[in-house]
């Protein structure tokens, strides 16, 4: 949320809230997951609806633990060698 919706992130009271907690509390419009420092302006409400739509497509799996995934090497995971190779071969 911090990257895609920075204004909403700044206005959120609980910046450490996990997706599972938001889903449990209700991330649909008017859900209890949305707690703001102040009332949202019209354009901020539109951003919140956009965020809610993105979250609506999230499927949480209870029996699967969260883990980081290194997309450059999904089989072996992160390595300094692969990160260095990526950075030096892609310029900026």
Protein backbone atom coordinates (compact mmCIF):
# COMPACT_ATOMS: atom_id res chain seq x y z
CA UNK A 1 0.00 0.00 0.00
CA UNK A 2 2.87 2.33 0.81
CA UNK A 3 4.13 2.22 -2.80
CA UNK A 4 0.92 1.99 -4.85
CA UNK A 5 -1.22 4.25 -2.61
CA UNK A 6 1.21 6.55 -0.72
CA UNK A 7 -1.43 9.12 0.26
CA UNK A 8 -3.68 6.46 1.77
CA UNK A 9 -0.70 4.91 3.54
CA UNK A 10 0.14 8.28 5.08
CA UNK A 11 -3.44 8.64 6.29
CA UNK A 12 -3.72 5.11 7.68
CA UNK A 13 -3.55 4.84 11.45
CA UNK A 14 -2.21 1.25 11.51
CA UNK A 15 0.68 1.22 9.05
CA UNK A 16 1.81 -2.25 10.19
CA UNK A 17 -1.54 -3.95 9.57
CA UNK A 18 -1.18 -7.31 7.81
CA UNK A 19 -3.33 -8.30 4.83
CA UNK A 20 -4.83 -11.21 6.79
CA UNK A 21 -6.01 -8.85 9.54
CA UNK A 22 -7.47 -6.44 6.98
CA UNK A 23 -9.33 -9.28 5.28
CA UNK A 24 -10.71 -10.46 8.62
CA UNK A 25 -11.89 -6.95 9.54
CA UNK A 26 -13.36 -6.31 6.10
CA UNK A 27 -11.53 -4.43 3.37
CA UNK A 28 -14.62 -3.72 1.31
CA UNK A 29 -15.78 -0.13 1.25
CA UNK A 30 -16.97 0.77 4.73
CA UNK A 31 -15.13 -2.20 6.26
CA UNK A 32 -13.47 -1.93 9.66
CA UNK A 33 -10.00 -2.47 8.11
CA UNK A 34 -9.96 1.14 6.95
CA UNK A 35 -9.12 3.49 9.82
CA UNK A 36 -7.91 6.94 8.83
CA UNK A 37 -6.39 9.87 10.71
CA UNK A 38 -9.03 12.13 9.16
CA UNK A 39 -12.01 11.97 6.85
CA UNK A 40 -10.98 11.16 3.26
CA UNK A 41 -11.38 13.66 0.46
CA UNK A 42 -13.33 12.60 -2.64
CA UNK A 43 -10.23 11.67 -4.66
CA UNK A 44 -8.81 9.76 -1.68
CA UNK A 45 -12.06 7.80 -1.41
CA UNK A 46 -11.64 6.88 -5.08
CA UNK A 47 -8.09 5.65 -4.34
CA UNK A 48 -9.44 3.63 -1.42
CA UNK A 49 -12.03 2.01 -3.73
CA UNK A 50 -9.26 1.17 -6.23
CA UNK A 51 -7.19 -0.37 -3.44
CA UNK A 52 -10.21 -2.31 -2.18
CA UNK A 53 -10.80 -3.73 -5.67
CA UNK A 54 -7.18 -4.91 -5.84
CA UNK A 55 -7.48 -6.54 -2.42
CA UNK A 56 -10.77 -8.20 -3.39
CA UNK A 57 -8.80 -10.47 -5.76
CA UNK A 58 -6.43 -11.64 -3.01
CA UNK A 59 -6.96 -15.25 -1.93
CA UNK A 60 -5.42 -16.10 1.42
CA UNK A 61 -4.49 -19.73 2.02
CA UNK A 62 -4.68 -20.72 5.68
CA UNK A 63 -2.41 -23.78 5.40
CA UNK A 64 0.36 -22.01 3.45
CA UNK A 65 2.97 -19.95 5.26
CA UNK A 66 4.08 -16.63 3.82
CA UNK A 67 7.53 -16.54 2.31
CA UNK A 68 9.68 -14.25 0.23
CA UNK A 69 10.21 -15.28 -3.37
CA UNK A 70 13.27 -14.21 -5.38
CA UNK A 71 11.81 -13.92 -8.88
CA UNK A 72 15.23 -14.01 -10.58
CA UNK A 73 15.72 -17.58 -9.36
CA UNK A 74 12.51 -19.13 -8.07
CA UNK A 75 14.11 -22.56 -7.56
CA UNK A 76 17.21 -21.72 -5.51
CA UNK A 77 16.15 -18.35 -4.12
CA UNK A 78 18.25 -15.26 -3.49
CA UNK A 79 22.00 -15.20 -3.93
CA UNK A 80 24.42 -12.26 -3.97
CA UNK A 81 25.89 -13.62 -7.21
CA UNK A 82 22.51 -13.53 -9.01
CA UNK A 83 21.69 -10.08 -7.61
CA UNK A 84 25.09 -8.76 -8.76
CA UNK A 85 24.65 -10.34 -12.18
CA UNK A 86 21.22 -8.74 -12.54
CA UNK A 87 22.38 -5.29 -11.42
CA UNK A 88 25.48 -5.25 -13.64
CA UNK A 89 23.69 -6.55 -16.71
CA UNK A 90 20.71 -4.16 -16.57
CA UNK A 91 22.47 -0.80 -16.20
CA UNK A 92 20.19 1.54 -14.26
